[in-house]
Amino acid sequence: MLQKASSLEIIKPFFENFLPSVFGMKPTPKTKKRKRLAEDALVLEWVNKLKHIDSLNRRNNGELSVNFRESFMNFYKRLESYFGI
């Protein structure tokens, strides 16, 4: 459902607050220093889900709302630079 949401009031807190907390990230990283992903089952589950969403986004099936896609890409790039995934 969230993937089809277009309201930034719903999408932004998910990408700016919830997911960073799952990965133990600070709201705004102070450094580009890479951290190691925790071997936590919840973290690994979210990594797999995010990779799946990225795959859907790259195939451009039109399943993602514009606002969700933009927020997702911003978070995914941040996650990649933060953890080097």
PDB file of N, CA and C in Angstrom:
ATOM      1  N   MET A   1       0.815  -1.193   0.000  1.00  0.00           N
ATOM      2  CA  MET A   1       0.000   0.000   0.000  1.00  0.00           C
ATOM      3  C   MET A   1       0.861   1.261   0.000  1.00  0.00           C
ATOM      4  N   LEU A   2       1.913   1.238   0.774  1.00  0.00           N
ATOM      5  CA  LEU A   2       2.766   2.423   0.891  1.00  0.00           C
ATOM      6  C   LEU A   2       3.393   2.780  -0.455  1.00  0.00           C
ATOM      7  N   GLN A   3       3.678   1.769  -1.272  1.00  0.00           N
ATOM      8  CA  GLN A   3       4.297   2.019  -2.569  1.00  0.00           C
ATOM      9  C   GLN A   3       3.391   2.826  -3.490  1.00  0.00           C
ATOM     10  N   LYS A   4       2.099   2.749  -3.281  1.00  0.00           N
ATOM     11  CA  LYS A   4       1.157   3.471  -4.126  1.00  0.00           C
ATOM     12  C   LYS A   4       0.716   4.792  -3.509  1.00  0.00           C
ATOM     13  N   ALA A   5       1.165   5.043  -2.281  1.00  0.00           N
ATOM     14  CA  ALA A   5       0.811   6.294  -1.604  1.00  0.00           C
ATOM     15  C   ALA A   5       1.467   7.466  -2.318  1.00  0.00           C
ATOM     16  N   SER A   6       0.751   8.567  -2.403  1.00  0.00           N
ATOM     17  CA  SER A   6       1.334   9.741  -3.057  1.00  0.00           C
ATOM     18  C   SER A   6       1.492  10.908  -2.086  1.00  0.00           C
ATOM     19  N   SER A   7       0.914  10.801  -0.906  1.00  0.00           N
ATOM     20  CA  SER A   7       0.995  11.867   0.086  1.00  0.00           C
ATOM     21  C   SER A   7       2.360  11.865   0.771  1.00  0.00           C
ATOM     22  N   LEU A   8       3.045  12.999   0.673  1.00  0.00           N
ATOM     23  CA  LEU A   8       4.352  13.105   1.331  1.00  0.00           C
ATOM     24  C   LEU A   8       4.225  13.051   2.847  1.00  0.00           C
ATOM     25  N   GLU A   9       3.060  13.379   3.387  1.00  0.00           N
ATOM     26  CA  GLU A   9       2.847  13.295   4.834  1.00  0.00           C
ATOM     27  C   GLU A   9       2.929  11.851   5.311  1.00  0.00           C
ATOM     28  N   ILE A  10       2.673  10.908   4.423  1.00  0.00           N
ATOM     29  CA  ILE A  10       2.764   9.491   4.758  1.00  0.00           C
ATOM     30  C   ILE A  10       4.149   8.953   4.411  1.00  0.00           C
ATOM     31  N   ILE A  11       4.642   9.319   3.246  1.00  0.00           N
ATOM     32  CA  ILE A  11       5.888   8.760   2.723  1.00  0.00           C
ATOM     33  C   ILE A  11       7.124   9.268   3.451  1.00  0.00           C
ATOM     34  N   LYS A  12       7.219  10.591   3.676  1.00  0.00           N
ATOM     35  CA  LYS A  12       8.434  11.166   4.278  1.00  0.00           C
ATOM     36  C   LYS A  12       8.764  10.581   5.647  1.00  0.00           C
ATOM     37  N   PRO A  13       7.809  10.462   6.577  1.00  0.00           N
ATOM     38  CA  PRO A  13       8.176   9.884   7.877  1.00  0.00           C
ATOM     39  C   PRO A  13       8.698   8.452   7.765  1.00  0.00           C
ATOM     40  N   PHE A  14       8.176   7.704   6.804  1.00  0.00           N
ATOM     41  CA  PHE A  14       8.636   6.331   6.605  1.00  0.00           C
ATOM     42  C   PHE A  14      10.111   6.311   6.219  1.00  0.00           C
ATOM     43  N   PHE A  15      10.494   7.145   5.253  1.00  0.00           N
ATOM     44  CA  PHE A  15      11.868   7.155   4.769  1.00  0.00           C
ATOM     45  C   PHE A  15      12.810   7.991   5.620  1.00  0.00           C
ATOM     46  N   GLU A  16      12.302   9.006   6.286  1.00  0.00           N
ATOM     47  CA  GLU A  16      13.172   9.888   7.060  1.00  0.00           C
ATOM     48  C   GLU A  16      13.282   9.504   8.534  1.00  0.00           C
ATOM     49  N   ASN A  17      12.308   8.758   9.043  1.00  0.00           N
ATOM     50  CA  ASN A  17      12.326   8.400  10.461  1.00  0.00           C
ATOM     51  C   ASN A  17      12.334   6.887  10.698  1.00  0.00           C
ATOM     52  N   PHE A  18      11.320   6.185  10.153  1.00  0.00           N
ATOM     53  CA  PHE A  18      11.180   4.761  10.450  1.00  0.00           C
ATOM     54  C   PHE A  18      12.347   3.932   9.919  1.00  0.00           C
ATOM     55  N   LEU A  19      12.605   3.984   8.596  1.00  0.00           N
ATOM     56  CA  LEU A  19      13.666   3.149   8.041  1.00  0.00           C
ATOM     57  C   LEU A  19      15.043   3.490   8.610  1.00  0.00           C
ATOM     58  N   PRO A  20      15.410   4.773   8.752  1.00  0.00           N
ATOM     59  CA  PRO A  20      16.700   5.031   9.385  1.00  0.00           C
ATOM     60  C   PRO A  20      16.810   4.422  10.786  1.00  0.00           C
ATOM     61  N   SER A  21      15.692   4.411  11.538  1.00  0.00           N
ATOM     62  CA  SER A  21      15.751   3.818  12.877  1.00  0.00           C
ATOM     63  C   SER A  21      15.930   2.307  12.799  1.00  0.00           C
ATOM     64  N   VAL A  22      15.347   1.650  11.794  1.00  0.00           N
ATOM     65  CA  VAL A  22      15.523   0.203  11.620  1.00  0.00           C
ATOM     66  C   VAL A  22      16.993  -0.124  11.397  1.00  0.00           C
ATOM     67  N   PHE A  23      17.678   0.724  10.609  1.00  0.00           N
ATOM     68  CA  PHE A  23      19.069   0.482  10.270  1.00  0.00           C
ATOM     69  C   PHE A  23      20.044   1.111  11.261  1.00  0.00           C
ATOM     70  N   GLY A  24      19.511   1.746  12.316  1.00  0.00           N
ATOM     71  CA  GLY A  24      20.374   2.358  13.318  1.00  0.00           C
ATOM     72  C   GLY A  24      21.097   3.583  12.794  1.00  0.00           C
ATOM     73  N   MET A  25      20.504   4.240  11.812  1.00  0.00           N
ATOM     74  CA  MET A  25      21.110   5.425  11.199  1.00  0.00           C
ATOM     75  C   MET A  25      20.619   6.669  11.930  1.00  0.00           C
ATOM     76  N   LYS A  26      21.469   7.671  11.982  1.00  0.00           N
ATOM     77  CA  LYS A  26      21.050   8.958  12.523  1.00  0.00           C
ATOM     78  C   LYS A  26      20.220   9.659  11.457  1.00  0.00           C
ATOM     79  N   PRO A  27      19.347  10.596  11.860  1.00  0.00           N
ATOM     80  CA  PRO A  27      18.519  11.287  10.869  1.00  0.00           C
ATOM     81  C   PRO A  27      19.327  11.912   9.738  1.00  0.00           C
ATOM     82  N   THR A  28      20.448  12.513  10.044  1.00  0.00           N
ATOM     83  CA  THR A  28      21.323  13.073   9.016  1.00  0.00           C
ATOM     84  C   THR A  28      22.738  12.665   9.354  1.00  0.00           C
ATOM     85  N   PRO A  29      23.319  11.761   8.551  1.00  0.00           N
ATOM     86  CA  PRO A  29      24.683  11.323   8.859  1.00  0.00           C
ATOM     87  C   PRO A  29      25.655  12.494   8.836  1.00  0.00           C
ATOM     88  N   LYS A  30      26.521  12.563   9.836  1.00  0.00           N
ATOM     89  CA  LYS A  30      27.496  13.648   9.931  1.00  0.00           C
ATOM     90  C   LYS A  30      28.713  13.383   9.051  1.00  0.00           C
ATOM     91  N   THR A  31      29.011  12.092   8.847  1.00  0.00           N
ATOM     92  CA  THR A  31      30.194  11.745   8.055  1.00  0.00           C
ATOM     93  C   THR A  31      29.818  10.744   6.989  1.00  0.00           C
ATOM     94  N   LYS A  32      30.721  10.558   6.049  1.00  0.00           N
ATOM     95  CA  LYS A  32      30.529   9.569   4.985  1.00  0.00           C
ATOM     96  C   LYS A  32      31.103   8.212   5.396  1.00  0.00           C
ATOM     97  N   LYS A  33      31.549   8.108   6.646  1.00  0.00           N
ATOM     98  CA  LYS A  33      32.143   6.878   7.151  1.00  0.00           C
ATOM     99  C   LYS A  33      31.135   5.738   7.053  1.00  0.00           C
ATOM    100  N   ARG A  34      31.549   4.640   6.428  1.00  0.00           N
ATOM    101  CA  ARG A  34      30.657   3.499   6.275  1.00  0.00           C
ATOM    102  C   ARG A  34      30.560   2.723   7.575  1.00  0.00           C
ATOM    103  N   LYS A  35      29.386   2.293   7.851  1.00  0.00           N
ATOM    104  CA  LYS A  35      29.148   1.487   9.036  1.00  0.00           C
ATOM    105  C   LYS A  35      28.789   0.076   8.582  1.00  0.00           C
ATOM    106  N   ARG A  36      28.883  -0.857   9.478  1.00  0.00           N
ATOM    107  CA  ARG A  36      28.555  -2.237   9.161  1.00  0.00           C
ATOM    108  C   ARG A  36      27.099  -2.496   9.499  1.00  0.00           C
ATOM    109  N   LEU A  37      26.399  -3.137   8.573  1.00  0.00           N
ATOM    110  CA  LEU A  37      25.007  -3.496   8.827  1.00  0.00           C
ATOM    111  C   LEU A  37      24.953  -4.532   9.942  1.00  0.00           C
ATOM    112  N   ALA A  38      24.015  -4.338  10.826  1.00  0.00           N
ATOM    113  CA  ALA A  38      23.833  -5.307  11.906  1.00  0.00           C
ATOM    114  C   ALA A  38      23.331  -6.620  11.315  1.00  0.00           C
ATOM    115  N   GLU A  39      23.686  -7.697  11.936  1.00  0.00           N
ATOM    116  CA  GLU A  39      23.216  -9.006  11.491  1.00  0.00           C
ATOM    117  C   GLU A  39      21.845  -9.299  12.102  1.00  0.00           C
ATOM    118  N   ASP A  40      21.044  -8.301  12.211  1.00  0.00           N
ATOM    119  CA  ASP A  40      19.718  -8.384  12.797  1.00  0.00           C
ATOM    120  C   ASP A  40      18.734  -8.885  11.738  1.00  0.00           C
ATOM    121  N   ALA A  41      17.858  -9.814  12.098  1.00  0.00           N
ATOM    122  CA  ALA A  41      16.896 -10.380  11.150  1.00  0.00           C
ATOM    123  C   ALA A  41      15.995  -9.300  10.555  1.00  0.00           C
ATOM    124  N   LEU A  42      15.570  -8.334  11.365  1.00  0.00           N
ATOM    125  CA  LEU A  42      14.710  -7.266  10.870  1.00  0.00           C
ATOM    126  C   LEU A  42      15.439  -6.414   9.840  1.00  0.00           C
ATOM    127  N   VAL A  43      16.698  -6.083  10.115  1.00  0.00           N
ATOM    128  CA  VAL A  43      17.498  -5.285   9.173  1.00  0.00           C
ATOM    129  C   VAL A  43      17.667  -6.043   7.863  1.00  0.00           C
ATOM    130  N   LEU A  44      18.026  -7.305   7.944  1.00  0.00           N
ATOM    131  CA  LEU A  44      18.233  -8.098   6.729  1.00  0.00           C
ATOM    132  C   LEU A  44      16.936  -8.247   5.933  1.00  0.00           C
ATOM    133  N   GLU A  45      15.831  -8.380   6.632  1.00  0.00           N
ATOM    134  CA  GLU A  45      14.534  -8.465   5.951  1.00  0.00           C
ATOM    135  C   GLU A  45      14.241  -7.164   5.198  1.00  0.00           C
ATOM    136  N   TRP A  46      14.517  -6.027   5.841  1.00  0.00           N
ATOM    137  CA  TRP A  46      14.286  -4.730   5.186  1.00  0.00           C
ATOM    138  C   TRP A  46      15.236  -4.526   4.015  1.00  0.00           C
ATOM    139  N   VAL A  47      16.470  -4.963   4.133  1.00  0.00           N
ATOM    140  CA  VAL A  47      17.412  -4.849   3.012  1.00  0.00           C
ATOM    141  C   VAL A  47      16.862  -5.608   1.813  1.00  0.00           C
ATOM    142  N   ASN A  48      16.386  -6.807   2.040  1.00  0.00           N
ATOM    143  CA  ASN A  48      15.816  -7.598   0.948  1.00  0.00           C
ATOM    144  C   ASN A  48      14.594  -6.923   0.339  1.00  0.00           C
ATOM    145  N   LYS A  49      13.722  -6.374   1.178  1.00  0.00           N
ATOM    146  CA  LYS A  49      12.534  -5.686   0.663  1.00  0.00           C
ATOM    147  C   LYS A  49      12.919  -4.455  -0.139  1.00  0.00           C
ATOM    148  N   LEU A  50      13.890  -3.688   0.350  1.00  0.00           N
ATOM    149  CA  LEU A  50      14.318  -2.485  -0.359  1.00  0.00           C
ATOM    150  C   LEU A  50      14.973  -2.834  -1.687  1.00  0.00           C
ATOM    151  N   LYS A  51      15.744  -3.907  -1.721  1.00  0.00           N
ATOM    152  CA  LYS A  51      16.339  -4.340  -2.983  1.00  0.00           C
ATOM    153  C   LYS A  51      15.254  -4.766  -3.967  1.00  0.00           C
ATOM    154  N   HIS A  52      14.211  -5.399  -3.480  1.00  0.00           N
ATOM    155  CA  HIS A  52      13.091  -5.794  -4.336  1.00  0.00           C
ATOM    156  C   HIS A  52      12.382  -4.552  -4.892  1.00  0.00           C
ATOM    157  N   ILE A  53      12.145  -3.567  -4.043  1.00  0.00           N
ATOM    158  CA  ILE A  53      11.503  -2.325  -4.498  1.00  0.00           C
ATOM    159  C   ILE A  53      12.394  -1.632  -5.524  1.00  0.00           C
ATOM    160  N   ASP A  54      13.710  -1.638  -5.293  1.00  0.00           N
ATOM    161  CA  ASP A  54      14.631  -1.041  -6.249  1.00  0.00           C
ATOM    162  C   ASP A  54      14.536  -1.756  -7.593  1.00  0.00           C
ATOM    163  N   SER A  55      14.430  -3.058  -7.549  1.00  0.00           N
ATOM    164  CA  SER A  55      14.289  -3.843  -8.787  1.00  0.00           C
ATOM    165  C   SER A  55      12.996  -3.466  -9.520  1.00  0.00           C
ATOM    166  N   LEU A  56      11.892  -3.335  -8.780  1.00  0.00           N
ATOM    167  CA  LEU A  56      10.625  -2.909  -9.388  1.00  0.00           C
ATOM    168  C   LEU A  56      10.760  -1.528 -10.002  1.00  0.00           C
ATOM    169  N   ASN A  57      11.423  -0.647  -9.286  1.00  0.00           N
ATOM    170  CA  ASN A  57      11.611   0.722  -9.757  1.00  0.00           C
ATOM    171  C   ASN A  57      12.410   0.739 -11.057  1.00  0.00           C
ATOM    172  N   ARG A  58      13.440  -0.082 -11.135  1.00  0.00           N
ATOM    173  CA  ARG A  58      14.280  -0.121 -12.339  1.00  0.00           C
ATOM    174  C   ARG A  58      13.528  -0.689 -13.534  1.00  0.00           C
ATOM    175  N   ARG A  59      12.604  -1.609 -13.273  1.00  0.00           N
ATOM    176  CA  ARG A  59      11.795  -2.153 -14.372  1.00  0.00           C
ATOM    177  C   ARG A  59      10.701  -1.180 -14.781  1.00  0.00           C
ATOM    178  N   ASN A  60      10.453  -0.180 -13.903  1.00  0.00           N
ATOM    179  CA  ASN A  60       9.482   0.879 -14.169  1.00  0.00           C
ATOM    180  C   ASN A  60       8.107   0.329 -14.529  1.00  0.00           C
ATOM    181  N   ASN A  61       7.572  -0.530 -13.675  1.00  0.00           N
ATOM    182  CA  ASN A  61       6.257  -1.104 -13.914  1.00  0.00           C
ATOM    183  C   ASN A  61       5.136  -0.134 -13.598  1.00  0.00           C
ATOM    184  N   GLY A  62       5.465   1.067 -13.167  1.00  0.00           N
ATOM    185  CA  GLY A  62       4.431   2.038 -12.835  1.00  0.00           C
ATOM    186  C   GLY A  62       3.688   1.718 -11.555  1.00  0.00           C
ATOM    187  N   GLU A  63       4.245   0.818 -10.748  1.00  0.00           N
ATOM    188  CA  GLU A  63       3.582   0.429  -9.512  1.00  0.00           C
ATOM    189  C   GLU A  63       3.875   1.383  -8.370  1.00  0.00           C
ATOM    190  N   LEU A  64       4.873   2.226  -8.541  1.00  0.00           N
ATOM    191  CA  LEU A  64       5.266   3.137  -7.470  1.00  0.00           C
ATOM    192  C   LEU A  64       4.770   4.539  -7.788  1.00  0.00           C
ATOM    193  N   SER A  65       4.204   5.208  -6.787  1.00  0.00           N
ATOM    194  CA  SER A  65       3.792   6.595  -7.000  1.00  0.00           C
ATOM    195  C   SER A  65       5.036   7.450  -7.182  1.00  0.00           C
ATOM    196  N   VAL A  66       4.877   8.593  -7.792  1.00  0.00           N
ATOM    197  CA  VAL A  66       6.005   9.497  -8.039  1.00  0.00           C
ATOM    198  C   VAL A  66       6.653   9.911  -6.724  1.00  0.00           C
ATOM    199  N   ASN A  67       5.854  10.292  -5.734  1.00  0.00           N
ATOM    200  CA  ASN A  67       6.399  10.720  -4.443  1.00  0.00           C
ATOM    201  C   ASN A  67       7.106   9.573  -3.729  1.00  0.00           C
ATOM    202  N   PHE A  68       6.518   8.364  -3.800  1.00  0.00           N
ATOM    203  CA  PHE A  68       7.156   7.214  -3.170  1.00  0.00           C
ATOM    204  C   PHE A  68       8.481   6.932  -3.861  1.00  0.00           C
ATOM    205  N   ARG A  69       8.496   6.926  -5.201  1.00  0.00           N
ATOM    206  CA  ARG A  69       9.703   6.635  -5.960  1.00  0.00           C
ATOM    207  C   ARG A  69      10.819   7.623  -5.609  1.00  0.00           C
ATOM    208  N   GLU A  70      10.486   8.906  -5.548  1.00  0.00           N
ATOM    209  CA  GLU A  70      11.487   9.925  -5.231  1.00  0.00           C
ATOM    210  C   GLU A  70      12.035   9.751  -3.813  1.00  0.00           C
ATOM    211  N   SER A  71      11.145   9.543  -2.855  1.00  0.00           N
ATOM    212  CA  SER A  71      11.574   9.342  -1.464  1.00  0.00           C
ATOM    213  C   SER A  71      12.388   8.064  -1.322  1.00  0.00           C
ATOM    214  N   PHE A  72      11.933   7.008  -2.011  1.00  0.00           N
ATOM    215  CA  PHE A  72      12.658   5.739  -1.969  1.00  0.00           C
ATOM    216  C   PHE A  72      14.074   5.896  -2.511  1.00  0.00           C
ATOM    217  N   MET A  73      14.211   6.530  -3.664  1.00  0.00           N
ATOM    218  CA  MET A  73      15.527   6.675  -4.279  1.00  0.00           C
ATOM    219  C   MET A  73      16.466   7.497  -3.390  1.00  0.00           C
ATOM    220  N   ASN A  74      15.936   8.553  -2.768  1.00  0.00           N
ATOM    221  CA  ASN A  74      16.757   9.350  -1.854  1.00  0.00           C
ATOM    222  C   ASN A  74      17.238   8.509  -0.680  1.00  0.00           C
ATOM    223  N   PHE A  75      16.338   7.731  -0.085  1.00  0.00           N
ATOM    224  CA  PHE A  75      16.722   6.896   1.052  1.00  0.00           C
ATOM    225  C   PHE A  75      17.676   5.791   0.616  1.00  0.00           C
ATOM    226  N   TYR A  76      17.399   5.154  -0.513  1.00  0.00           N
ATOM    227  CA  TYR A  76      18.226   4.034  -0.970  1.00  0.00           C
ATOM    228  C   TYR A  76      19.651   4.495  -1.257  1.00  0.00           C
ATOM    229  N   LYS A  77      19.802   5.674  -1.863  1.00  0.00           N
ATOM    230  CA  LYS A  77      21.136   6.230  -2.107  1.00  0.00           C
ATOM    231  C   LYS A  77      21.842   6.510  -0.784  1.00  0.00           C
ATOM    232  N   ARG A  78      21.094   7.027   0.171  1.00  0.00           N
ATOM    233  CA  ARG A  78      21.664   7.294   1.494  1.00  0.00           C
ATOM    234  C   ARG A  78      22.108   6.010   2.174  1.00  0.00           C
ATOM    235  N   LEU A  79      21.281   4.970   2.068  1.00  0.00           N
ATOM    236  CA  LEU A  79      21.598   3.681   2.655  1.00  0.00           C
ATOM    237  C   LEU A  79      22.849   3.086   1.991  1.00  0.00           C
ATOM    238  N   GLU A  80      22.929   3.198   0.677  1.00  0.00           N
ATOM    239  CA  GLU A  80      24.103   2.700  -0.041  1.00  0.00           C
ATOM    240  C   GLU A  80      25.379   3.402   0.406  1.00  0.00           C
ATOM    241  N   SER A  81      25.313   4.729   0.521  1.00  0.00           N
ATOM    242  CA  SER A  81      26.516   5.460   0.925  1.00  0.00           C
ATOM    243  C   SER A  81      26.852   5.242   2.395  1.00  0.00           C
ATOM    244  N   TYR A  82      25.851   5.052   3.227  1.00  0.00           N
ATOM    245  CA  TYR A  82      26.056   4.875   4.661  1.00  0.00           C
ATOM    246  C   TYR A  82      26.658   3.509   4.970  1.00  0.00           C
ATOM    247  N   PHE A  83      26.154   2.468   4.278  1.00  0.00           N
ATOM    248  CA  PHE A  83      26.593   1.106   4.560  1.00  0.00           C
ATOM    249  C   PHE A  83      27.374   0.470   3.425  1.00  0.00           C
ATOM    250  N   GLY A  84      27.385   1.096   2.262  1.00  0.00           N
ATOM    251  CA  GLY A  84      28.105   0.526   1.129  1.00  0.00           C
ATOM    252  C   GLY A  84      27.457  -0.712   0.558  1.00  0.00           C
ATOM    253  N   ILE A  85      26.120  -0.756   0.601  1.00  0.00           N
ATOM    254  CA  ILE A  85      25.446  -1.942   0.059  1.00  0.00           C
ATOM    255  C   ILE A  85      25.243  -1.823  -1.434  1.00  0.00           C
TER     256      ILE A  85
END
